[in-house]
Amino acid sequence: MGRWEPDARGRLMLAALELYAGRGYEQTTVADIAQRAGVTERTFFRHFADKREVLFDGAHTLQDTVVDAITNAPASQAPIEVVGAAMERAAEMMQDRRDFARQRAAAIAANPSLHERELFKLATLSAAAAEALRERGVPEPTATLAAETGVMVFKVAFEQWIGEQPDFARCIRSTLDHVKALTV
C-alpha cells in the first residue's frame, strides 16, 4: 500500500495484529509494522507512542464511554445497575470489532508484559468508574465495590464474547445476573 492511502492508523493496527499473530509481539518491530501497513516509521510514531500502544489505543474511549454512562444514568438506579448499564454501553461500542478483539486478546495472552498492561488498563477503568459513582453521591465502599464488580463482569463477559457468544451486551447482562444471584 502506498503512503498516500487513507486510514494509516487502521492499517497500522491491522498490520501489527497480523505480525503479532504470525511472529509474536517480541519479534515484531515498529519498522515491520510500518512496512506491512505501507507507511514510514515516522507515520507510525505520529499515531502511536510504541508498538504496545497499538493494542491499547481504545482504552481512553472505553473509559470515557463508561464514565459518561455512569454520569448520565438515572439518579434512581442502584450503583450496580448503573455500572452494569455502563458496561453494556461499552460492549455495544465494541460489538462490531469482535474479530479485532479476538486477535488483540490472543496477542495479549501470549505476552506477559502485555497482560500486565491490560490489567493496568482494567484497574484504571475501575478507578474512573468508582470516581464517577462517588461524584453521583455513592458512598464508599459501595462505589469501589460496584466499580470493581462492573469491571470483573466486563472481563468475564468479554471472554465469553470472544469465545462463543456473539452478543457482547447480552454477555454483560447474563454475567451481571450471575453476580446478583451470588447475593441471594
N, C-alpha and C. Protein backbone atom coordinates (compact mmCIF):
# COMPACT_ATOMS: atom_id res chain seq x y z
N MET A 1 0.84 -1.18 0.00
CA MET A 1 0.00 0.00 0.00
C MET A 1 0.88 1.24 0.00
N GLY A 2 0.46 2.23 -0.73
CA GLY A 2 1.21 3.47 -0.76
C GLY A 2 0.95 4.31 0.48
N ARG A 3 1.89 5.19 0.74
CA ARG A 3 1.76 6.04 1.92
C ARG A 3 0.60 7.00 1.81
N TRP A 4 0.14 7.26 0.60
CA TRP A 4 -0.93 8.21 0.39
C TRP A 4 -2.32 7.64 0.67
N GLU A 5 -2.42 6.34 0.83
CA GLU A 5 -3.72 5.73 1.04
C GLU A 5 -4.29 6.11 2.41
N PRO A 6 -5.62 6.23 2.50
CA PRO A 6 -6.25 6.68 3.75
C PRO A 6 -6.19 5.63 4.86
N ASP A 7 -6.52 6.07 6.05
CA ASP A 7 -6.63 5.24 7.25
C ASP A 7 -5.31 4.57 7.64
N ALA A 8 -4.27 5.35 7.71
CA ALA A 8 -2.98 4.81 8.13
C ALA A 8 -3.08 4.19 9.51
N ARG A 9 -3.81 4.82 10.41
CA ARG A 9 -3.95 4.32 11.78
C ARG A 9 -4.57 2.91 11.77
N GLY A 10 -5.65 2.75 11.05
CA GLY A 10 -6.31 1.44 10.97
C GLY A 10 -5.41 0.39 10.33
N ARG A 11 -4.70 0.78 9.27
CA ARG A 11 -3.79 -0.15 8.62
C ARG A 11 -2.66 -0.56 9.55
N LEU A 12 -2.17 0.40 10.33
CA LEU A 12 -1.11 0.09 11.30
C LEU A 12 -1.61 -0.90 12.35
N MET A 13 -2.82 -0.70 12.82
CA MET A 13 -3.37 -1.60 13.83
C MET A 13 -3.52 -3.02 13.28
N LEU A 14 -4.06 -3.13 12.07
CA LEU A 14 -4.24 -4.45 11.47
C LEU A 14 -2.90 -5.11 11.17
N ALA A 15 -1.95 -4.33 10.67
CA ALA A 15 -0.62 -4.88 10.38
C ALA A 15 0.03 -5.40 11.66
N ALA A 16 -0.07 -4.63 12.73
CA ALA A 16 0.53 -5.06 14.00
C ALA A 16 -0.10 -6.36 14.47
N LEU A 17 -1.42 -6.46 14.42
CA LEU A 17 -2.08 -7.70 14.86
C LEU A 17 -1.66 -8.89 14.03
N GLU A 18 -1.58 -8.70 12.72
CA GLU A 18 -1.14 -9.79 11.84
C GLU A 18 0.27 -10.24 12.20
N LEU A 19 1.14 -9.29 12.40
CA LEU A 19 2.54 -9.63 12.72
C LEU A 19 2.66 -10.24 14.12
N TYR A 20 1.93 -9.72 15.09
CA TYR A 20 1.98 -10.29 16.43
C TYR A 20 1.50 -11.74 16.40
N ALA A 21 0.47 -12.00 15.60
CA ALA A 21 -0.05 -13.37 15.50
C ALA A 21 0.94 -14.29 14.79
N GLY A 22 1.59 -13.79 13.77
CA GLY A 22 2.50 -14.62 12.98
C GLY A 22 3.88 -14.77 13.57
N ARG A 23 4.45 -13.69 14.06
CA ARG A 23 5.82 -13.70 14.57
C ARG A 23 5.92 -13.66 16.08
N GLY A 24 4.90 -13.11 16.69
CA GLY A 24 4.95 -12.85 18.12
C GLY A 24 5.23 -11.38 18.37
N TYR A 25 4.78 -10.89 19.49
CA TYR A 25 4.94 -9.49 19.85
C TYR A 25 6.41 -9.10 19.96
N GLU A 26 7.19 -9.88 20.69
CA GLU A 26 8.60 -9.54 20.94
C GLU A 26 9.42 -9.50 19.66
N GLN A 27 9.08 -10.35 18.69
CA GLN A 27 9.86 -10.44 17.47
C GLN A 27 9.45 -9.40 16.41
N THR A 28 8.39 -8.67 16.68
CA THR A 28 7.89 -7.68 15.73
C THR A 28 8.43 -6.30 16.08
N THR A 29 8.94 -5.59 15.10
CA THR A 29 9.46 -4.24 15.31
C THR A 29 8.49 -3.20 14.74
N VAL A 30 8.68 -1.97 15.16
CA VAL A 30 7.89 -0.87 14.59
C VAL A 30 8.14 -0.79 13.09
N ALA A 31 9.38 -1.00 12.67
CA ALA A 31 9.71 -0.98 11.24
C ALA A 31 8.91 -2.04 10.49
N ASP A 32 8.78 -3.23 11.08
CA ASP A 32 7.99 -4.30 10.46
C ASP A 32 6.54 -3.88 10.28
N ILE A 33 5.99 -3.29 11.33
CA ILE A 33 4.58 -2.87 11.30
C ILE A 33 4.38 -1.79 10.25
N ALA A 34 5.26 -0.79 10.24
CA ALA A 34 5.14 0.30 9.27
C ALA A 34 5.24 -0.22 7.84
N GLN A 35 6.19 -1.11 7.62
CA GLN A 35 6.36 -1.67 6.28
C GLN A 35 5.12 -2.43 5.85
N ARG A 36 4.58 -3.27 6.73
CA ARG A 36 3.38 -4.05 6.40
C ARG A 36 2.20 -3.13 6.10
N ALA A 37 2.11 -2.01 6.81
CA ALA A 37 1.00 -1.07 6.62
C ALA A 37 1.22 -0.13 5.44
N GLY A 38 2.45 -0.13 4.88
CA GLY A 38 2.74 0.72 3.75
C GLY A 38 2.97 2.18 4.12
N VAL A 39 3.52 2.40 5.32
CA VAL A 39 3.83 3.75 5.78
C VAL A 39 5.26 3.78 6.33
N THR A 40 5.71 4.95 6.70
CA THR A 40 7.04 5.08 7.29
C THR A 40 6.96 4.90 8.80
N GLU A 41 8.12 4.68 9.41
CA GLU A 41 8.17 4.61 10.88
C GLU A 41 7.72 5.93 11.49
N ARG A 42 8.08 7.00 10.83
CA ARG A 42 7.66 8.32 11.32
C ARG A 42 6.14 8.41 11.39
N THR A 43 5.45 7.89 10.39
CA THR A 43 3.99 7.87 10.40
C THR A 43 3.48 7.02 11.56
N PHE A 44 4.13 5.88 11.79
CA PHE A 44 3.74 5.05 12.92
C PHE A 44 3.76 5.88 14.20
N PHE A 45 4.85 6.60 14.43
CA PHE A 45 5.01 7.35 15.67
C PHE A 45 4.12 8.60 15.74
N ARG A 46 3.54 8.99 14.64
CA ARG A 46 2.51 10.05 14.68
C ARG A 46 1.22 9.52 15.31
N HIS A 47 1.02 8.22 15.20
CA HIS A 47 -0.22 7.61 15.68
C HIS A 47 -0.08 6.91 17.02
N PHE A 48 1.11 6.33 17.28
CA PHE A 48 1.31 5.52 18.48
C PHE A 48 2.66 5.82 19.11
N ALA A 49 2.69 5.80 20.43
CA ALA A 49 3.94 6.05 21.15
C ALA A 49 4.93 4.91 20.99
N ASP A 50 4.41 3.68 20.93
CA ASP A 50 5.25 2.50 20.76
C ASP A 50 4.39 1.35 20.26
N LYS A 51 5.02 0.21 20.00
CA LYS A 51 4.27 -0.91 19.41
C LYS A 51 3.24 -1.50 20.36
N ARG A 52 3.42 -1.31 21.64
CA ARG A 52 2.45 -1.80 22.62
C ARG A 52 1.15 -1.02 22.54
N GLU A 53 1.25 0.28 22.31
CA GLU A 53 0.06 1.13 22.33
C GLU A 53 -0.90 0.85 21.18
N VAL A 54 -0.44 0.15 20.15
CA VAL A 54 -1.35 -0.27 19.08
C VAL A 54 -2.49 -1.10 19.67
N LEU A 55 -2.18 -1.89 20.68
CA LEU A 55 -3.18 -2.77 21.29
C LEU A 55 -4.04 -2.07 22.36
N PHE A 56 -3.60 -0.94 22.84
CA PHE A 56 -4.30 -0.27 23.94
C PHE A 56 -4.84 1.09 23.55
N ASP A 57 -4.90 1.34 22.27
CA ASP A 57 -5.32 2.63 21.75
C ASP A 57 -6.74 3.02 22.18
N GLY A 58 -7.65 2.08 22.28
CA GLY A 58 -9.04 2.40 22.59
C GLY A 58 -9.35 2.51 24.07
N ALA A 59 -8.36 2.40 24.94
CA ALA A 59 -8.62 2.41 26.39
C ALA A 59 -9.29 3.70 26.83
N HIS A 60 -8.87 4.82 26.30
CA HIS A 60 -9.47 6.10 26.71
C HIS A 60 -10.92 6.20 26.24
N THR A 61 -11.21 5.68 25.05
CA THR A 61 -12.58 5.71 24.55
C THR A 61 -13.47 4.81 25.40
N LEU A 62 -12.99 3.64 25.75
CA LEU A 62 -13.73 2.74 26.62
C LEU A 62 -14.02 3.42 27.96
N GLN A 63 -13.00 4.00 28.56
CA GLN A 63 -13.16 4.66 29.85
C GLN A 63 -14.14 5.83 29.75
N ASP A 64 -14.01 6.63 28.72
CA ASP A 64 -14.92 7.77 28.55
C ASP A 64 -16.36 7.31 28.39
N THR A 65 -16.56 6.22 27.67
CA THR A 65 -17.91 5.67 27.46
C THR A 65 -18.51 5.23 28.78
N VAL A 66 -17.73 4.52 29.59
CA VAL A 66 -18.21 4.02 30.88
C VAL A 66 -18.51 5.18 31.82
N VAL A 67 -17.59 6.12 31.93
CA VAL A 67 -17.78 7.26 32.84
C VAL A 67 -18.99 8.09 32.41
N ASP A 68 -19.14 8.33 31.12
CA ASP A 68 -20.28 9.08 30.61
C ASP A 68 -21.60 8.38 30.94
N ALA A 69 -21.63 7.07 30.77
CA ALA A 69 -22.85 6.31 31.07
C ALA A 69 -23.18 6.37 32.57
N ILE A 70 -22.17 6.30 33.40
CA ILE A 70 -22.39 6.39 34.85
C ILE A 70 -22.89 7.79 35.21
N THR A 71 -22.25 8.79 34.66
CA THR A 71 -22.61 10.18 34.96
C THR A 71 -24.05 10.49 34.55
N ASN A 72 -24.49 9.95 33.43
CA ASN A 72 -25.81 10.28 32.89
C ASN A 72 -26.90 9.28 33.23
N ALA A 73 -26.61 8.32 34.08
CA ALA A 73 -27.61 7.33 34.47
C ALA A 73 -28.68 7.98 35.35
N PRO A 74 -29.89 7.44 35.32
CA PRO A 74 -30.95 7.97 36.19
C PRO A 74 -30.54 7.90 37.67
N ALA A 75 -30.87 8.94 38.40
CA ALA A 75 -30.50 9.03 39.81
C ALA A 75 -31.12 7.91 40.64
N SER A 76 -32.21 7.37 40.17
CA SER A 76 -32.92 6.33 40.95
C SER A 76 -32.28 4.95 40.83
N GLN A 77 -31.36 4.76 39.90
CA GLN A 77 -30.76 3.44 39.71
C GLN A 77 -29.76 3.11 40.81
N ALA A 78 -29.76 1.83 41.21
CA ALA A 78 -28.79 1.34 42.19
C ALA A 78 -27.40 1.34 41.56
N PRO A 79 -26.35 1.52 42.37
CA PRO A 79 -25.00 1.58 41.82
C PRO A 79 -24.63 0.40 40.92
N ILE A 80 -24.99 -0.80 41.29
CA ILE A 80 -24.63 -1.96 40.48
C ILE A 80 -25.36 -1.93 39.13
N GLU A 81 -26.59 -1.41 39.13
CA GLU A 81 -27.34 -1.28 37.88
C GLU A 81 -26.71 -0.21 36.99
N VAL A 82 -26.26 0.87 37.61
CA VAL A 82 -25.60 1.95 36.87
C VAL A 82 -24.35 1.41 36.20
N VAL A 83 -23.53 0.71 36.95
CA VAL A 83 -22.29 0.17 36.40
C VAL A 83 -22.58 -0.90 35.35
N GLY A 84 -23.57 -1.74 35.59
CA GLY A 84 -23.93 -2.75 34.60
C GLY A 84 -24.36 -2.12 33.28
N ALA A 85 -25.18 -1.08 33.36
CA ALA A 85 -25.61 -0.39 32.15
C ALA A 85 -24.43 0.29 31.44
N ALA A 86 -23.50 0.81 32.23
CA ALA A 86 -22.31 1.44 31.64
C ALA A 86 -21.46 0.40 30.90
N MET A 87 -21.32 -0.78 31.48
CA MET A 87 -20.55 -1.83 30.82
C MET A 87 -21.26 -2.33 29.57
N GLU A 88 -22.60 -2.35 29.61
CA GLU A 88 -23.36 -2.71 28.40
C GLU A 88 -23.12 -1.70 27.30
N ARG A 89 -23.09 -0.42 27.65
CA ARG A 89 -22.83 0.63 26.66
C ARG A 89 -21.45 0.43 26.04
N ALA A 90 -20.47 0.10 26.87
CA ALA A 90 -19.12 -0.17 26.35
C ALA A 90 -19.14 -1.38 25.42
N ALA A 91 -19.89 -2.40 25.80
CA ALA A 91 -19.98 -3.61 24.97
C ALA A 91 -20.62 -3.28 23.62
N GLU A 92 -21.64 -2.47 23.63
CA GLU A 92 -22.29 -2.08 22.37
C GLU A 92 -21.32 -1.33 21.47
N MET A 93 -20.49 -0.50 22.07
CA MET A 93 -19.50 0.27 21.31
C MET A 93 -18.50 -0.68 20.65
N MET A 94 -18.18 -1.79 21.29
CA MET A 94 -17.17 -2.72 20.80
C MET A 94 -17.73 -3.82 19.90
N GLN A 95 -19.02 -3.99 19.85
CA GLN A 95 -19.66 -5.14 19.20
C GLN A 95 -19.14 -5.40 17.78
N ASP A 96 -18.98 -4.36 16.99
CA ASP A 96 -18.57 -4.54 15.60
C ASP A 96 -17.09 -4.85 15.43
N ARG A 97 -16.35 -4.90 16.52
CA ARG A 97 -14.90 -5.13 16.46
C ARG A 97 -14.51 -6.48 17.07
N ARG A 98 -15.38 -7.44 16.95
CA ARG A 98 -15.16 -8.74 17.58
C ARG A 98 -13.90 -9.43 17.06
N ASP A 99 -13.69 -9.44 15.75
CA ASP A 99 -12.50 -10.10 15.20
C ASP A 99 -11.23 -9.42 15.70
N PHE A 100 -11.23 -8.09 15.69
CA PHE A 100 -10.09 -7.36 16.22
C PHE A 100 -9.88 -7.70 17.69
N ALA A 101 -10.96 -7.74 18.46
CA ALA A 101 -10.87 -8.04 19.90
C ALA A 101 -10.28 -9.44 20.12
N ARG A 102 -10.67 -10.39 19.30
CA ARG A 102 -10.12 -11.75 19.42
C ARG A 102 -8.62 -11.77 19.17
N GLN A 103 -8.20 -11.11 18.09
CA GLN A 103 -6.78 -11.08 17.75
C GLN A 103 -5.98 -10.34 18.82
N ARG A 104 -6.54 -9.25 19.30
CA ARG A 104 -5.89 -8.46 20.35
C ARG A 104 -5.74 -9.29 21.62
N ALA A 105 -6.80 -10.00 22.00
CA ALA A 105 -6.76 -10.83 23.21
C ALA A 105 -5.71 -11.93 23.08
N ALA A 106 -5.60 -12.51 21.90
CA ALA A 106 -4.59 -13.56 21.69
C ALA A 106 -3.18 -13.00 21.83
N ALA A 107 -2.94 -11.82 21.26
CA ALA A 107 -1.62 -11.21 21.37
C ALA A 107 -1.29 -10.89 22.82
N ILE A 108 -2.25 -10.40 23.57
CA ILE A 108 -2.04 -10.05 24.97
C ILE A 108 -1.79 -11.31 25.80
N ALA A 109 -2.57 -12.35 25.56
CA ALA A 109 -2.42 -13.59 26.32
C ALA A 109 -1.05 -14.24 26.09
N ALA A 110 -0.46 -14.01 24.93
CA ALA A 110 0.82 -14.63 24.59
C ALA A 110 2.02 -13.88 25.14
N ASN A 111 1.81 -12.71 25.76
CA ASN A 111 2.94 -11.91 26.21
C ASN A 111 2.69 -11.35 27.60
N PRO A 112 3.48 -11.76 28.60
CA PRO A 112 3.27 -11.30 29.98
C PRO A 112 3.29 -9.79 30.16
N SER A 113 4.15 -9.08 29.46
CA SER A 113 4.18 -7.62 29.64
C SER A 113 2.92 -6.96 29.10
N LEU A 114 2.34 -7.53 28.04
CA LEU A 114 1.08 -7.01 27.52
C LEU A 114 -0.06 -7.34 28.47
N HIS A 115 0.00 -8.52 29.05
CA HIS A 115 -1.03 -8.92 30.03
C HIS A 115 -1.00 -7.95 31.22
N GLU A 116 0.18 -7.60 31.65
CA GLU A 116 0.32 -6.65 32.75
C GLU A 116 -0.29 -5.29 32.38
N ARG A 117 -0.05 -4.84 31.16
CA ARG A 117 -0.62 -3.57 30.69
C ARG A 117 -2.13 -3.64 30.64
N GLU A 118 -2.67 -4.79 30.23
CA GLU A 118 -4.13 -4.98 30.18
C GLU A 118 -4.73 -4.89 31.58
N LEU A 119 -4.07 -5.51 32.55
CA LEU A 119 -4.55 -5.44 33.93
C LEU A 119 -4.51 -4.01 34.45
N PHE A 120 -3.48 -3.26 34.08
CA PHE A 120 -3.40 -1.85 34.47
C PHE A 120 -4.54 -1.06 33.85
N LYS A 121 -4.86 -1.33 32.58
CA LYS A 121 -5.96 -0.65 31.90
C LYS A 121 -7.27 -0.92 32.63
N LEU A 122 -7.50 -2.16 33.03
CA LEU A 122 -8.73 -2.51 33.75
C LEU A 122 -8.78 -1.85 35.13
N ALA A 123 -7.64 -1.77 35.81
CA ALA A 123 -7.59 -1.11 37.12
C ALA A 123 -7.90 0.38 36.96
N THR A 124 -7.39 0.99 35.90
CA THR A 124 -7.65 2.40 35.63
C THR A 124 -9.13 2.62 35.32
N LEU A 125 -9.72 1.71 34.58
CA LEU A 125 -11.15 1.77 34.29
C LEU A 125 -11.96 1.69 35.57
N SER A 126 -11.59 0.77 36.44
CA SER A 126 -12.29 0.61 37.70
C SER A 126 -12.19 1.88 38.56
N ALA A 127 -11.01 2.46 38.63
CA ALA A 127 -10.83 3.69 39.41
C ALA A 127 -11.67 4.82 38.85
N ALA A 128 -11.73 4.95 37.54
CA ALA A 128 -12.53 6.01 36.92
C ALA A 128 -14.02 5.78 37.17
N ALA A 129 -14.46 4.52 37.09
CA ALA A 129 -15.87 4.21 37.36
C ALA A 129 -16.22 4.50 38.81
N ALA A 130 -15.34 4.15 39.73
CA ALA A 130 -15.58 4.43 41.16
C ALA A 130 -15.66 5.93 41.41
N GLU A 131 -14.79 6.70 40.78
CA GLU A 131 -14.83 8.15 40.94
C GLU A 131 -16.13 8.73 40.39
N ALA A 132 -16.57 8.23 39.25
CA ALA A 132 -17.84 8.69 38.68
C ALA A 132 -19.01 8.36 39.61
N LEU A 133 -18.96 7.20 40.24
CA LEU A 133 -20.01 6.84 41.20
C LEU A 133 -19.97 7.75 42.44
N ARG A 134 -18.78 8.02 42.93
CA ARG A 134 -18.65 8.93 44.08
C ARG A 134 -19.20 10.31 43.75
N GLU A 135 -18.95 10.76 42.52
CA GLU A 135 -19.47 12.06 42.09
C GLU A 135 -20.99 12.06 42.03
N ARG A 136 -21.60 10.90 41.87
CA ARG A 136 -23.06 10.77 41.90
C ARG A 136 -23.58 10.71 43.34
N GLY A 137 -22.66 10.67 44.29
CA GLY A 137 -23.06 10.61 45.70
C GLY A 137 -23.05 9.22 46.29
N VAL A 138 -22.52 8.25 45.57
CA VAL A 138 -22.44 6.89 46.09
C VAL A 138 -21.29 6.85 47.10
N PRO A 139 -21.58 6.42 48.33
CA PRO A 139 -20.54 6.42 49.37
C PRO A 139 -19.57 5.24 49.20
N GLU A 140 -18.45 5.34 49.90
CA GLU A 140 -17.51 4.23 49.99
C GLU A 140 -17.97 3.30 51.09
N PRO A 141 -17.75 2.04 51.03
CA PRO A 141 -17.04 1.32 49.97
C PRO A 141 -17.92 0.91 48.80
N THR A 142 -19.20 1.32 48.82
CA THR A 142 -20.12 0.92 47.76
C THR A 142 -19.63 1.31 46.38
N ALA A 143 -19.10 2.53 46.23
CA ALA A 143 -18.63 2.98 44.92
C ALA A 143 -17.52 2.08 44.38
N THR A 144 -16.55 1.79 45.23
CA THR A 144 -15.43 0.94 44.80
C THR A 144 -15.89 -0.48 44.52
N LEU A 145 -16.73 -1.02 45.38
CA LEU A 145 -17.23 -2.39 45.16
C LEU A 145 -18.03 -2.50 43.87
N ALA A 146 -18.89 -1.53 43.61
CA ALA A 146 -19.70 -1.56 42.38
C ALA A 146 -18.80 -1.44 41.15
N ALA A 147 -17.83 -0.54 41.21
CA ALA A 147 -16.93 -0.35 40.07
C ALA A 147 -16.08 -1.60 39.81
N GLU A 148 -15.50 -2.15 40.85
CA GLU A 148 -14.69 -3.36 40.70
C GLU A 148 -15.54 -4.52 40.17
N THR A 149 -16.75 -4.64 40.68
CA THR A 149 -17.65 -5.69 40.20
C THR A 149 -17.98 -5.48 38.73
N GLY A 150 -18.23 -4.23 38.35
CA GLY A 150 -18.54 -3.94 36.95
C GLY A 150 -17.40 -4.30 36.02
N VAL A 151 -16.18 -4.01 36.43
CA VAL A 151 -15.03 -4.35 35.60
C VAL A 151 -14.84 -5.87 35.54
N MET A 152 -15.08 -6.53 36.64
CA MET A 152 -14.98 -8.00 36.65
C MET A 152 -16.06 -8.59 35.72
N VAL A 153 -17.25 -8.05 35.76
CA VAL A 153 -18.33 -8.50 34.87
C VAL A 153 -17.90 -8.28 33.41
N PHE A 154 -17.34 -7.12 33.13
CA PHE A 154 -16.87 -6.81 31.78
C PHE A 154 -15.83 -7.84 31.33
N LYS A 155 -14.89 -8.12 32.19
CA LYS A 155 -13.80 -9.05 31.86
C LYS A 155 -14.32 -10.46 31.59
N VAL A 156 -15.19 -10.96 32.45
CA VAL A 156 -15.75 -12.30 32.26
C VAL A 156 -16.62 -12.35 31.00
N ALA A 157 -17.44 -11.34 30.80
CA ALA A 157 -18.31 -11.29 29.62
C ALA A 157 -17.48 -11.18 28.34
N PHE A 158 -16.39 -10.44 28.40
CA PHE A 158 -15.51 -10.30 27.23
C PHE A 158 -14.98 -11.67 26.80
N GLU A 159 -14.56 -12.47 27.76
CA GLU A 159 -14.06 -13.81 27.43
C GLU A 159 -15.15 -14.66 26.79
N GLN A 160 -16.38 -14.53 27.26
CA GLN A 160 -17.49 -15.27 26.65
C GLN A 160 -17.73 -14.78 25.22
N TRP A 161 -17.70 -13.48 25.05
CA TRP A 161 -17.97 -12.86 23.75
C TRP A 161 -16.94 -13.26 22.70
N ILE A 162 -15.66 -13.21 23.05
CA ILE A 162 -14.66 -13.58 22.04
C ILE A 162 -14.60 -15.09 21.85
N GLY A 163 -15.21 -15.81 22.78
CA GLY A 163 -15.30 -17.26 22.66
C GLY A 163 -16.43 -17.66 21.75
N GLU A 164 -17.60 -17.86 22.34
CA GLU A 164 -18.70 -18.40 21.54
C GLU A 164 -19.97 -17.57 21.53
N GLN A 165 -20.07 -16.55 22.34
CA GLN A 165 -21.31 -15.76 22.42
C GLN A 165 -21.22 -14.52 21.52
N PRO A 166 -22.11 -14.39 20.55
CA PRO A 166 -21.97 -13.30 19.58
C PRO A 166 -22.42 -11.91 20.05
N ASP A 167 -23.18 -11.83 21.12
CA ASP A 167 -23.73 -10.54 21.58
C ASP A 167 -23.06 -10.13 22.89
N PHE A 168 -22.15 -9.18 22.81
CA PHE A 168 -21.37 -8.75 23.98
C PHE A 168 -22.26 -8.16 25.07
N ALA A 169 -23.20 -7.31 24.70
CA ALA A 169 -24.09 -6.70 25.71
C ALA A 169 -24.90 -7.78 26.44
N ARG A 170 -25.34 -8.78 25.70
CA ARG A 170 -26.08 -9.89 26.34
C ARG A 170 -25.17 -10.64 27.31
N CYS A 171 -23.91 -10.80 26.96
CA CYS A 171 -22.95 -11.44 27.86
C CYS A 171 -22.79 -10.61 29.15
N ILE A 172 -22.76 -9.30 29.01
CA ILE A 172 -22.68 -8.42 30.19
C ILE A 172 -23.89 -8.65 31.09
N ARG A 173 -25.09 -8.59 30.51
CA ARG A 173 -26.32 -8.76 31.31
C ARG A 173 -26.35 -10.12 32.00
N SER A 174 -26.00 -11.16 31.27
CA SER A 174 -26.01 -12.50 31.83
C SER A 174 -25.00 -12.65 32.97
N THR A 175 -23.81 -12.13 32.77
CA THR A 175 -22.78 -12.21 33.81
C THR A 175 -23.19 -11.42 35.04
N LEU A 176 -23.76 -10.25 34.83
CA LEU A 176 -24.25 -9.44 35.95
C LEU A 176 -25.36 -10.18 36.70
N ASP A 177 -26.23 -10.87 35.99
CA ASP A 177 -27.27 -11.67 36.66
C ASP A 177 -26.65 -12.77 37.51
N HIS A 178 -25.58 -13.38 37.05
CA HIS A 178 -24.89 -14.40 37.86
C HIS A 178 -24.30 -13.79 39.12
N VAL A 179 -23.74 -12.59 39.01
CA VAL A 179 -23.20 -11.91 40.19
C VAL A 179 -24.32 -11.62 41.19
N LYS A 180 -25.43 -11.11 40.69
CA LYS A 180 -26.56 -10.80 41.59
C LYS A 180 -27.07 -12.06 42.27
N ALA A 181 -27.05 -13.19 41.58
CA ALA A 181 -27.50 -14.45 42.17
C ALA A 181 -26.63 -14.89 43.33
N LEU A 182 -25.40 -14.44 43.35
CA LEU A 182 -24.49 -14.78 44.45
C LEU A 182 -24.94 -14.18 45.78
N THR A 183 -25.70 -13.12 45.72
CA THR A 183 -26.07 -12.38 46.93
C THR A 183 -27.43 -12.77 47.50
N VAL A 184 -28.12 -13.69 46.88
CA VAL A 184 -29.44 -14.09 47.40
C VAL A 184 -29.38 -15.41 48.13
